[in-house]
């Protein structure tokens, strides 16, 4: 049985894939994904960023830039294959 937190993390990752983030995402866009899918409380955002890192769905590679790991997320790879190009990081 998978916890609700893990399911929510997978939901966030699928949303990022649907929005076109294939390899990297900026912290601002990651926060936006959490707000759209889970909630907008600052503690919620911080906890889900920590959970995504703990589950190895994301890895911080620079100042506010995260590398995405879709291998463990069911359904996300199919979305990426159907999608277009990586969105530009601003």
Protein backbone atom coordinates (compact mmCIF):
# COMPACT_ATOMS: atom_id res chain seq x y z
CA UNK A 1 0.00 0.00 0.00
CA UNK A 2 1.34 3.40 -1.01
CA UNK A 3 0.88 6.47 1.19
CA UNK A 4 -1.10 9.50 0.10
CA UNK A 5 2.09 11.60 0.21
CA UNK A 6 3.79 9.32 -2.34
CA UNK A 7 0.71 9.39 -4.58
CA UNK A 8 0.68 13.19 -4.36
CA UNK A 9 4.38 13.34 -5.27
CA UNK A 10 3.68 11.19 -8.32
CA UNK A 11 0.78 13.49 -9.21
CA UNK A 12 3.13 16.50 -9.05
CA UNK A 13 5.66 14.75 -11.28
CA UNK A 14 2.99 13.80 -13.85
CA UNK A 15 1.80 17.43 -13.88
CA UNK A 16 5.36 18.63 -14.52
CA UNK A 17 5.67 16.13 -17.39
CA UNK A 18 2.36 17.30 -18.85
CA UNK A 19 3.53 20.92 -18.64
CA UNK A 20 6.66 20.08 -20.64
CA UNK A 21 9.39 19.87 -18.01
CA UNK A 22 11.46 16.94 -19.27
CA UNK A 23 14.83 17.25 -17.51
CA UNK A 24 14.96 20.31 -15.27
CA UNK A 25 12.58 22.60 -13.42
CA UNK A 26 13.11 25.90 -11.61
CA UNK A 27 12.04 26.21 -7.97
CA UNK A 28 9.33 28.74 -8.90
CA UNK A 29 7.71 26.30 -11.32
CA UNK A 30 8.08 23.42 -8.84
CA UNK A 31 6.24 25.48 -6.24
CA UNK A 32 3.56 26.29 -8.81
CA UNK A 33 3.09 22.56 -9.48
CA UNK A 34 2.66 21.88 -5.76
CA UNK A 35 0.16 24.73 -5.37
CA UNK A 36 -1.89 23.56 -8.36
CA UNK A 37 -2.01 19.94 -7.20
CA UNK A 38 -1.76 19.90 -3.39
CA UNK A 39 -2.11 23.26 -1.66
CA UNK A 40 -0.59 26.69 -1.19
CA UNK A 41 0.45 26.69 2.47
CA UNK A 42 4.18 27.41 2.80
CA UNK A 43 4.67 24.39 5.08
CA UNK A 44 2.96 22.15 2.51
CA UNK A 45 5.20 23.42 -0.27
CA UNK A 46 8.35 22.93 1.82
CA UNK A 47 7.31 19.43 2.90
CA UNK A 48 6.55 18.28 -0.63
CA UNK A 49 9.84 19.62 -1.96
CA UNK A 50 11.57 17.67 0.81
CA UNK A 51 9.49 14.55 0.06
CA UNK A 52 10.25 14.75 -3.67
CA UNK A 53 13.97 14.90 -2.86
CA UNK A 54 13.73 12.06 -0.33
CA UNK A 55 11.94 9.83 -2.85
CA UNK A 56 14.61 10.77 -5.43
CA UNK A 57 12.06 12.22 -7.85
CA UNK A 58 14.07 15.47 -7.93
CA UNK A 59 17.69 16.39 -7.22
CA UNK A 60 18.92 19.95 -6.72
CA UNK A 61 21.65 20.64 -9.26
CA UNK A 62 22.06 24.37 -8.89
CA UNK A 63 20.71 27.49 -7.29
CA UNK A 64 16.97 26.79 -7.44
CA UNK A 65 17.19 24.32 -10.34
CA UNK A 66 16.15 20.70 -9.94
CA UNK A 67 16.80 17.68 -12.13
CA UNK A 68 13.73 15.50 -12.65
CA UNK A 69 13.75 11.69 -12.40
CA UNK A 70 10.63 10.24 -14.03
CA UNK A 71 11.77 6.60 -13.95
CA UNK A 72 9.92 5.83 -10.68
CA UNK A 73 6.71 7.66 -11.67
CA UNK A 74 4.02 5.53 -13.34
CA UNK A 75 2.55 7.20 -16.42
CA UNK A 76 5.02 10.08 -16.57
CA UNK A 77 7.33 8.57 -19.20
CA UNK A 78 4.41 8.05 -21.59
CA UNK A 79 3.49 11.72 -21.20
CA UNK A 80 7.07 12.75 -21.96
CA UNK A 81 7.21 10.61 -25.10
CA UNK A 82 4.01 12.22 -26.40
CA UNK A 83 5.14 15.73 -25.41
CA UNK A 84 7.36 18.17 -27.21
CA UNK A 85 10.51 19.92 -26.08
CA UNK A 86 11.84 20.90 -22.66
CA UNK A 87 10.48 24.24 -21.50
CA UNK A 88 13.05 27.00 -21.25
CA UNK A 89 14.18 27.82 -17.72
CA UNK A 90 14.09 31.53 -17.00
